[in-house]
Amino acid sequence: ILELDCEILVNSDHNQQLVIHTARPGTESYE
């Protein structure tokens, strides 16, 4: 199991999204 933070960047037309999943440093999910 990985617990990831999901950040979403939207382009200027709001029809495409860059979805980024990150793990917090020091957590088991990061390892």
Full PDB file with SEQRES, HELIX, SHEET, SSBOND, CRYST1, ORIGX, SCALE, CONECT and MASTER records, all heavy atoms in Angstrom:
SEQRES   1 A   31  ILE LEU GLU LEU ASP CYS GLU ILE LEU VAL ASN SER ASP          
SEQRES   2 A   31  HIS ASN GLN GLN LEU VAL ILE HIS THR ALA ARG PRO GLY          
SEQRES   3 A   31  THR GLU SER TYR GLU                                          
SHEET    1 AA1 2 ASP A   5  VAL A  10  0                                        
SHEET    2 AA1 2 GLN A  17  THR A  22 -1                                        
CRYST1    1.000    1.000    1.000  90.00  90.00  90.00 P 1           1          
ORIGX1      1.000000  0.000000  0.000000        0.00000                         
ORIGX2      0.000000  1.000000  0.000000        0.00000                         
ORIGX3      0.000000  0.000000  1.000000        0.00000                         
SCALE1      1.000000  0.000000  0.000000        0.00000                         
SCALE2      0.000000  1.000000  0.000000        0.00000                         
SCALE3      0.000000  0.000000  1.000000        0.00000                         
ATOM      1  N   ILE A   1       0.834  -1.194   0.000  1.00  0.00           N  
ATOM      2  CA  ILE A   1       0.000   0.000   0.000  1.00  0.00           C  
ATOM      3  C   ILE A   1       0.879   1.259   0.000  1.00  0.00           C  
ATOM      4  O   ILE A   1       1.798   1.376   0.805  1.00  0.00           O  
ATOM      5  CB  ILE A   1      -0.938   0.031   1.226  1.00  0.00           C  
ATOM      6  CG1 ILE A   1      -1.825  -1.225   1.251  1.00  0.00           C  
ATOM      7  CG2 ILE A   1      -1.780   1.300   1.215  1.00  0.00           C  
ATOM      8  CD1 ILE A   1      -2.784  -1.305   0.087  1.00  0.00           C  
ATOM      9  N   LEU A   2       0.571   2.192  -0.901  1.00  0.00           N  
ATOM     10  CA  LEU A   2       1.248   3.480  -0.938  1.00  0.00           C  
ATOM     11  C   LEU A   2       0.211   4.578  -0.728  1.00  0.00           C  
ATOM     12  O   LEU A   2      -0.776   4.639  -1.452  1.00  0.00           O  
ATOM     13  CB  LEU A   2       1.952   3.712  -2.280  1.00  0.00           C  
ATOM     14  CG  LEU A   2       3.095   2.770  -2.662  1.00  0.00           C  
ATOM     15  CD1 LEU A   2       2.565   1.627  -3.513  1.00  0.00           C  
ATOM     16  CD2 LEU A   2       4.170   3.523  -3.433  1.00  0.00           C  
ATOM     17  N   GLU A   3       0.429   5.424   0.265  1.00  0.00           N  
ATOM     18  CA  GLU A   3      -0.439   6.576   0.492  1.00  0.00           C  
ATOM     19  C   GLU A   3       0.222   7.791  -0.161  1.00  0.00           C  
ATOM     20  O   GLU A   3       1.287   8.236   0.267  1.00  0.00           O  
ATOM     21  CB  GLU A   3      -0.655   6.817   1.975  1.00  0.00           C  
ATOM     22  CG  GLU A   3      -1.619   7.959   2.264  1.00  0.00           C  
ATOM     23  CD  GLU A   3      -1.950   8.088   3.728  1.00  0.00           C  
ATOM     24  OE1 GLU A   3      -2.686   7.219   4.256  1.00  0.00           O  
ATOM     25  OE2 GLU A   3      -1.450   9.046   4.356  1.00  0.00           O  
ATOM     26  N   LEU A   4      -0.425   8.322  -1.191  1.00  0.00           N  
ATOM     27  CA  LEU A   4       0.186   9.372  -2.003  1.00  0.00           C  
ATOM     28  C   LEU A   4      -0.702  10.609  -2.041  1.00  0.00           C  
ATOM     29  O   LEU A   4      -1.924  10.504  -2.131  1.00  0.00           O  
ATOM     30  CB  LEU A   4       0.421   8.867  -3.436  1.00  0.00           C  
ATOM     31  CG  LEU A   4       1.266   7.592  -3.586  1.00  0.00           C  
ATOM     32  CD1 LEU A   4       1.359   7.188  -5.043  1.00  0.00           C  
ATOM     33  CD2 LEU A   4       2.652   7.796  -2.985  1.00  0.00           C  
ATOM     34  N   ASP A   5      -0.061  11.767  -1.975  1.00  0.00           N  
ATOM     35  CA  ASP A   5      -0.762  13.031  -2.158  1.00  0.00           C  
ATOM     36  C   ASP A   5      -0.912  13.292  -3.657  1.00  0.00           C  
ATOM     37  O   ASP A   5       0.052  13.158  -4.418  1.00  0.00           O  
ATOM     38  CB  ASP A   5       0.006  14.181  -1.505  1.00  0.00           C  
ATOM     39  CG  ASP A   5       0.044  14.061   0.010  1.00  0.00           C  
ATOM     40  OD1 ASP A   5      -0.945  13.561   0.575  1.00  0.00           O  
ATOM     41  OD2 ASP A   5       1.052  14.451   0.609  1.00  0.00           O  
ATOM     42  N   CYS A   6      -2.106  13.648  -4.057  1.00  0.00           N  
ATOM     43  CA  CYS A   6      -2.412  13.871  -5.472  1.00  0.00           C  
ATOM     44  C   CYS A   6      -2.573  15.367  -5.719  1.00  0.00           C  
ATOM     45  O   CYS A   6      -3.466  16.007  -5.147  1.00  0.00           O  
ATOM     46  CB  CYS A   6      -3.685  13.126  -5.864  1.00  0.00           C  
ATOM     47  SG  CYS A   6      -4.228  13.436  -7.548  1.00  0.00           S  
ATOM     48  N   GLU A   7      -1.702  15.930  -6.548  1.00  0.00           N  
ATOM     49  CA  GLU A   7      -1.796  17.331  -6.948  1.00  0.00           C  
ATOM     50  C   GLU A   7      -2.212  17.392  -8.418  1.00  0.00           C  
ATOM     51  O   GLU A   7      -1.753  16.581  -9.232  1.00  0.00           O  
ATOM     52  CB  GLU A   7      -0.462  18.054  -6.760  1.00  0.00           C  
ATOM     53  CG  GLU A   7      -0.026  18.199  -5.315  1.00  0.00           C  
ATOM     54  CD  GLU A   7      -0.894  19.166  -4.536  1.00  0.00           C  
ATOM     55  OE1 GLU A   7      -1.588  19.986  -5.172  1.00  0.00           O  
ATOM     56  OE2 GLU A   7      -0.879  19.117  -3.294  1.00  0.00           O  
ATOM     57  N   ILE A   8      -3.041  18.358  -8.767  1.00  0.00           N  
ATOM     58  CA  ILE A   8      -3.565  18.464 -10.131  1.00  0.00           C  
ATOM     59  C   ILE A   8      -3.282  19.863 -10.667  1.00  0.00           C  
ATOM     60  O   ILE A   8      -3.703  20.869 -10.083  1.00  0.00           O  
ATOM     61  CB  ILE A   8      -5.077  18.181 -10.166  1.00  0.00           C  
ATOM     62  CG1 ILE A   8      -5.343  16.756  -9.682  1.00  0.00           C  
ATOM     63  CG2 ILE A   8      -5.642  18.386 -11.562  1.00  0.00           C  
ATOM     64  CD1 ILE A   8      -6.801  16.420  -9.546  1.00  0.00           C  
ATOM     65  N   LEU A   9      -2.556  19.907 -11.786  1.00  0.00           N  
ATOM     66  CA  LEU A   9      -2.295  21.164 -12.481  1.00  0.00           C  
ATOM     67  C   LEU A   9      -3.135  21.171 -13.751  1.00  0.00           C  
ATOM     68  O   LEU A   9      -3.109  20.214 -14.526  1.00  0.00           O  
ATOM     69  CB  LEU A   9      -0.807  21.286 -12.826  1.00  0.00           C  
ATOM     70  CG  LEU A   9       0.186  21.127 -11.655  1.00  0.00           C  
ATOM     71  CD1 LEU A   9       1.614  21.274 -12.162  1.00  0.00           C  
ATOM     72  CD2 LEU A   9      -0.107  22.139 -10.561  1.00  0.00           C  
ATOM     73  N   VAL A  10      -3.886  22.241 -13.958  1.00  0.00           N  
ATOM     74  CA  VAL A  10      -4.811  22.329 -15.079  1.00  0.00           C  
ATOM     75  C   VAL A  10      -4.268  23.299 -16.112  1.00  0.00           C  
ATOM     76  O   VAL A  10      -3.762  24.370 -15.761  1.00  0.00           O  
ATOM     77  CB  VAL A  10      -6.203  22.795 -14.601  1.00  0.00           C  
ATOM     78  CG1 VAL A  10      -7.186  22.841 -15.760  1.00  0.00           C  
ATOM     79  CG2 VAL A  10      -6.720  21.874 -13.502  1.00  0.00           C  
ATOM     80  N   ASN A  11      -4.366  22.936 -17.411  1.00  0.00           N  
ATOM     81  CA  ASN A  11      -3.889  23.834 -18.453  1.00  0.00           C  
ATOM     82  C   ASN A  11      -4.846  25.009 -18.633  1.00  0.00           C  
ATOM     83  O   ASN A  11      -5.923  25.064 -18.045  1.00  0.00           O  
ATOM     84  CB  ASN A  11      -3.682  23.074 -19.770  1.00  0.00           C  
ATOM     85  CG  ASN A  11      -4.994  22.740 -20.461  1.00  0.00           C  
ATOM     86  OD1 ASN A  11      -6.031  22.624 -19.832  1.00  0.00           O  
ATOM     87  ND2 ASN A  11      -4.934  22.552 -21.767  1.00  0.00           N  
ATOM     88  N   SER A  12      -4.446  25.963 -19.462  1.00  0.00           N  
ATOM     89  CA  SER A  12      -5.212  27.206 -19.583  1.00  0.00           C  
ATOM     90  C   SER A  12      -6.613  26.988 -20.128  1.00  0.00           C  
ATOM     91  O   SER A  12      -7.527  27.773 -19.851  1.00  0.00           O  
ATOM     92  CB  SER A  12      -4.461  28.200 -20.480  1.00  0.00           C  
ATOM     93  OG  SER A  12      -4.228  27.632 -21.770  1.00  0.00           O  
ATOM     94  N   ASP A  13      -6.817  25.926 -20.918  1.00  0.00           N  
ATOM     95  CA  ASP A  13      -8.142  25.634 -21.468  1.00  0.00           C  
ATOM     96  C   ASP A  13      -8.992  24.794 -20.528  1.00  0.00           C  
ATOM     97  O   ASP A  13     -10.151  24.494 -20.830  1.00  0.00           O  
ATOM     98  CB  ASP A  13      -8.010  24.910 -22.806  1.00  0.00           C  
ATOM     99  CG  ASP A  13      -7.373  25.788 -23.874  1.00  0.00           C  
ATOM    100  OD1 ASP A  13      -7.572  27.021 -23.794  1.00  0.00           O  
ATOM    101  OD2 ASP A  13      -6.690  25.265 -24.751  1.00  0.00           O  
ATOM    102  N   HIS A  14      -8.398  24.355 -19.406  1.00  0.00           N  
ATOM    103  CA  HIS A  14      -9.108  23.566 -18.386  1.00  0.00           C  
ATOM    104  C   HIS A  14      -9.598  22.211 -18.916  1.00  0.00           C  
ATOM    105  O   HIS A  14     -10.491  21.612 -18.334  1.00  0.00           O  
ATOM    106  CB  HIS A  14     -10.297  24.344 -17.809  1.00  0.00           C  
ATOM    107  CG  HIS A  14      -9.882  25.591 -17.096  1.00  0.00           C  
ATOM    108  ND1 HIS A  14      -9.437  25.589 -15.802  1.00  0.00           N  
ATOM    109  CD2 HIS A  14      -9.823  26.876 -17.519  1.00  0.00           C  
ATOM    110  CE1 HIS A  14      -9.128  26.836 -15.439  1.00  0.00           C  
ATOM    111  NE2 HIS A  14      -9.346  27.621 -16.459  1.00  0.00           N  
ATOM    112  N   ASN A  15      -9.016  21.717 -20.015  1.00  0.00           N  
ATOM    113  CA  ASN A  15      -9.459  20.416 -20.517  1.00  0.00           C  
ATOM    114  C   ASN A  15      -8.387  19.342 -20.388  1.00  0.00           C  
ATOM    115  O   ASN A  15      -8.626  18.190 -20.735  1.00  0.00           O  
ATOM    116  CB  ASN A  15      -9.924  20.533 -21.973  1.00  0.00           C  
ATOM    117  CG  ASN A  15      -8.823  21.041 -22.895  1.00  0.00           C  
ATOM    118  OD1 ASN A  15      -7.718  21.338 -22.442  1.00  0.00           O  
ATOM    119  ND2 ASN A  15      -9.126  21.145 -24.171  1.00  0.00           N  
ATOM    120  N   GLN A  16      -7.204  19.720 -19.920  1.00  0.00           N  
ATOM    121  CA  GLN A  16      -6.149  18.749 -19.652  1.00  0.00           C  
ATOM    122  C   GLN A  16      -5.593  18.973 -18.261  1.00  0.00           C  
ATOM    123  O   GLN A  16      -5.502  20.109 -17.794  1.00  0.00           O  
ATOM    124  CB  GLN A  16      -5.019  18.855 -20.687  1.00  0.00           C  
ATOM    125  CG  GLN A  16      -5.410  18.400 -22.072  1.00  0.00           C  
ATOM    126  CD  GLN A  16      -4.243  18.443 -23.041  1.00  0.00           C  
ATOM    127  OE1 GLN A  16      -3.107  18.732 -22.675  1.00  0.00           O  
ATOM    128  NE2 GLN A  16      -4.525  18.146 -24.305  1.00  0.00           N  
ATOM    129  N   GLN A  17      -5.229  17.870 -17.604  1.00  0.00           N  
ATOM    130  CA  GLN A  17      -4.735  17.944 -16.235  1.00  0.00           C  
ATOM    131  C   GLN A  17      -3.441  17.163 -16.114  1.00  0.00           C  
ATOM    132  O   GLN A  17      -3.335  16.043 -16.635  1.00  0.00           O  
ATOM    133  CB  GLN A  17      -5.767  17.357 -15.267  1.00  0.00           C  
ATOM    134  CG  GLN A  17      -7.146  18.002 -15.347  1.00  0.00           C  
ATOM    135  CD  GLN A  17      -8.202  17.210 -14.594  1.00  0.00           C  
ATOM    136  OE1 GLN A  17      -7.992  16.066 -14.216  1.00  0.00           O  
ATOM    137  NE2 GLN A  17      -9.355  17.828 -14.379  1.00  0.00           N  
ATOM    138  N   LEU A  18      -2.459  17.745 -15.460  1.00  0.00           N  
ATOM    139  CA  LEU A  18      -1.244  17.027 -15.094  1.00  0.00           C  
ATOM    140  C   LEU A  18      -1.438  16.542 -13.667  1.00  0.00           C  
ATOM    141  O   LEU A  18      -1.515  17.341 -12.733  1.00  0.00           O  
ATOM    142  CB  LEU A  18      -0.021  17.934 -15.196  1.00  0.00           C  
ATOM    143  CG  LEU A  18       1.311  17.324 -14.767  1.00  0.00           C  
ATOM    144  CD1 LEU A  18       1.659  16.111 -15.626  1.00  0.00           C  
ATOM    145  CD2 LEU A  18       2.427  18.357 -14.827  1.00  0.00           C  
ATOM    146  N   VAL A  19      -1.572  15.234 -13.505  1.00  0.00           N  
ATOM    147  CA  VAL A  19      -1.851  14.627 -12.206  1.00  0.00           C  
ATOM    148  C   VAL A  19      -0.544  14.070 -11.652  1.00  0.00           C  
ATOM    149  O   VAL A  19       0.091  13.210 -12.274  1.00  0.00           O  
ATOM    150  CB  VAL A  19      -2.904  13.511 -12.333  1.00  0.00           C  
ATOM    151  CG1 VAL A  19      -3.216  12.911 -10.964  1.00  0.00           C  
ATOM    152  CG2 VAL A  19      -4.174  14.049 -12.989  1.00  0.00           C  
ATOM    153  N   ILE A  20      -0.147  14.548 -10.485  1.00  0.00           N  
ATOM    154  CA  ILE A  20       1.135  14.185  -9.877  1.00  0.00           C  
ATOM    155  C   ILE A  20       0.874  13.547  -8.516  1.00  0.00           C  
ATOM    156  O   ILE A  20       0.147  14.101  -7.690  1.00  0.00           O  
ATOM    157  CB  ILE A  20       2.032  15.422  -9.695  1.00  0.00           C  
ATOM    158  CG1 ILE A  20       2.190  16.168 -11.032  1.00  0.00           C  
ATOM    159  CG2 ILE A  20       3.397  15.024  -9.138  1.00  0.00           C  
ATOM    160  CD1 ILE A  20       2.850  17.521 -10.886  1.00  0.00           C  
ATOM    161  N   HIS A  21       1.472  12.385  -8.284  1.00  0.00           N  
ATOM    162  CA  HIS A  21       1.332  11.701  -6.997  1.00  0.00           C  
ATOM    163  C   HIS A  21       2.676  11.718  -6.271  1.00  0.00           C  
ATOM    164  O   HIS A  21       3.691  11.277  -6.829  1.00  0.00           O  
ATOM    165  CB  HIS A  21       0.871  10.255  -7.196  1.00  0.00           C  
ATOM    166  CG  HIS A  21      -0.531  10.144  -7.706  1.00  0.00           C  
ATOM    167  ND1 HIS A  21      -0.827   9.919  -9.022  1.00  0.00           N  
ATOM    168  CD2 HIS A  21      -1.729  10.238  -7.058  1.00  0.00           C  
ATOM    169  CE1 HIS A  21      -2.139   9.875  -9.177  1.00  0.00           C  
ATOM    170  NE2 HIS A  21      -2.706  10.059  -8.010  1.00  0.00           N  
ATOM    171  N   THR A  22       2.688  12.219  -5.064  1.00  0.00           N  
ATOM    172  CA  THR A  22       3.915  12.309  -4.283  1.00  0.00           C  
ATOM    173  C   THR A  22       3.728  11.660  -2.924  1.00  0.00           C  
ATOM    174  O   THR A  22       2.615  11.592  -2.402  1.00  0.00           O  
ATOM    175  CB  THR A  22       4.336  13.784  -4.077  1.00  0.00           C  
ATOM    176  OG1 THR A  22       3.288  14.476  -3.387  1.00  0.00           O  
ATOM    177  CG2 THR A  22       4.597  14.465  -5.411  1.00  0.00           C  
ATOM    178  N   ALA A  23       4.825  11.186  -2.360  1.00  0.00           N  
ATOM    179  CA  ALA A  23       4.811  10.614  -1.007  1.00  0.00           C  
ATOM    180  C   ALA A  23       5.573  11.545  -0.073  1.00  0.00           C  
ATOM    181  O   ALA A  23       6.583  12.144  -0.453  1.00  0.00           O  
ATOM    182  CB  ALA A  23       5.448   9.229  -1.009  1.00  0.00           C  
ATOM    183  N   ARG A  24       5.090  11.668   1.137  1.00  0.00           N  
ATOM    184  CA  ARG A  24       5.737  12.549   2.093  1.00  0.00           C  
ATOM    185  C   ARG A  24       7.041  11.933   2.588  1.00  0.00           C  
ATOM    186  O   ARG A  24       7.064  10.778   3.031  1.00  0.00           O  
ATOM    187  CB  ARG A  24       4.798  12.818   3.273  1.00  0.00           C  
ATOM    188  CG  ARG A  24       3.502  13.505   2.851  1.00  0.00           C  
ATOM    189  CD  ARG A  24       2.512  13.636   3.982  1.00  0.00           C  
ATOM    190  NE  ARG A  24       1.228  14.124   3.474  1.00  0.00           N  
ATOM    191  CZ  ARG A  24       0.148  14.263   4.213  1.00  0.00           C  
ATOM    192  NH1 ARG A  24       0.188  13.952   5.511  1.00  0.00           N  
ATOM    193  NH2 ARG A  24      -0.975  14.710   3.661  1.00  0.00           N  
ATOM    194  N   PRO A  25       8.151  12.692   2.524  1.00  0.00           N  
ATOM    195  CA  PRO A  25       9.452  12.164   2.971  1.00  0.00           C  
ATOM    196  C   PRO A  25       9.389  11.669   4.411  1.00  0.00           C  
ATOM    197  O   PRO A  25       8.722  12.260   5.266  1.00  0.00           O  
ATOM    198  CB  PRO A  25      10.387  13.373   2.827  1.00  0.00           C  
ATOM    199  CG  PRO A  25       9.745  14.222   1.770  1.00  0.00           C  
ATOM    200  CD  PRO A  25       8.262  14.049   1.972  1.00  0.00           C  
ATOM    201  N   GLY A  26      10.073  10.563   4.661  1.00  0.00           N  
ATOM    202  CA  GLY A  26      10.118   9.995   6.003  1.00  0.00           C  
ATOM    203  C   GLY A  26       9.034   8.990   6.293  1.00  0.00           C  
ATOM    204  O   GLY A  26       9.069   8.330   7.330  1.00  0.00           O  
ATOM    205  N   THR A  27       8.059   8.848   5.373  1.00  0.00           N  
ATOM    206  CA  THR A  27       6.972   7.892   5.589  1.00  0.00           C  
ATOM    207  C   THR A  27       7.301   6.553   4.930  1.00  0.00           C  
ATOM    208  O   THR A  27       8.194   6.441   4.076  1.00  0.00           O  
ATOM    209  CB  THR A  27       5.658   8.423   5.001  1.00  0.00           C  
ATOM    210  OG1 THR A  27       5.799   8.539   3.564  1.00  0.00           O  
ATOM    211  CG2 THR A  27       5.314   9.777   5.579  1.00  0.00           C  
ATOM    212  N   GLU A  28       6.555   5.537   5.346  1.00  0.00           N  
ATOM    213  CA  GLU A  28       6.734   4.218   4.739  1.00  0.00           C  
ATOM    214  C   GLU A  28       6.383   4.260   3.254  1.00  0.00           C  
ATOM    215  O   GLU A  28       7.032   3.591   2.440  1.00  0.00           O  
ATOM    216  CB  GLU A  28       5.861   3.197   5.464  1.00  0.00           C  
ATOM    217  CG  GLU A  28       6.093   1.760   5.006  1.00  0.00           C  
ATOM    218  CD  GLU A  28       5.297   0.755   5.819  1.00  0.00           C  
ATOM    219  OE1 GLU A  28       4.397   1.177   6.575  1.00  0.00           O  
ATOM    220  OE2 GLU A  28       5.578  -0.449   5.693  1.00  0.00           O  
ATOM    221  N   SER A  29       5.392   5.057   2.894  1.00  0.00           N  
ATOM    222  CA  SER A  29       5.017   5.176   1.490  1.00  0.00           C  
ATOM    223  C   SER A  29       6.140   5.788   0.667  1.00  0.00           C  
ATOM    224  O   SER A  29       6.341   5.428  -0.497  1.00  0.00           O  
ATOM    225  CB  SER A  29       3.749   6.023   1.346  1.00  0.00           C  
ATOM    226  OG  SER A  29       2.625   5.334   1.866  1.00  0.00           O  
ATOM    227  N   TYR A  30       6.897   6.721   1.262  1.00  0.00           N  
ATOM    228  CA  TYR A  30       8.028   7.314   0.560  1.00  0.00           C  
ATOM    229  C   TYR A  30       9.079   6.256   0.251  1.00  0.00           C  
ATOM    230  O   TYR A  30       9.618   6.207  -0.867  1.00  0.00           O  
ATOM    231  CB  TYR A  30       8.636   8.426   1.413  1.00  0.00           C  
ATOM    232  CG  TYR A  30       9.774   9.159   0.736  1.00  0.00           C  
ATOM    233  CD1 TYR A  30       9.523  10.214  -0.130  1.00  0.00           C  
ATOM    234  CD2 TYR A  30      11.090   8.786   0.970  1.00  0.00           C  
ATOM    235  CE1 TYR A  30      10.565  10.886  -0.756  1.00  0.00           C  
ATOM    236  CE2 TYR A  30      12.140   9.446   0.357  1.00  0.00           C  
ATOM    237  CZ  TYR A  30      11.877  10.493  -0.509  1.00  0.00           C  
ATOM    238  OH  TYR A  30      12.914  11.151  -1.140  1.00  0.00           O  
ATOM    239  N   GLU A  31       9.360   5.391   1.227  1.00  0.00           N  
ATOM    240  CA  GLU A  31      10.331   4.318   1.003  1.00  0.00           C  
ATOM    241  C   GLU A  31       9.819   3.336  -0.055  1.00  0.00           C  
ATOM    242  O   GLU A  31      10.581   2.856  -0.895  1.00  0.00           O  
ATOM    243  CB  GLU A  31      10.602   3.585   2.319  1.00  0.00           C  
ATOM    244  CG  GLU A  31      11.211   4.450   3.409  1.00  0.00           C  
ATOM    245  CD  GLU A  31      12.558   5.036   2.996  1.00  0.00           C  
ATOM    246  OE1 GLU A  31      13.302   4.333   2.284  1.00  0.00           O  
ATOM    247  OE2 GLU A  31      12.857   6.176   3.400  1.00  0.00           O  
TER     248      GLU A  31                                                      
MASTER        0    0    0    0    2    0    0    6  247    1    0    3          
END                                                                             
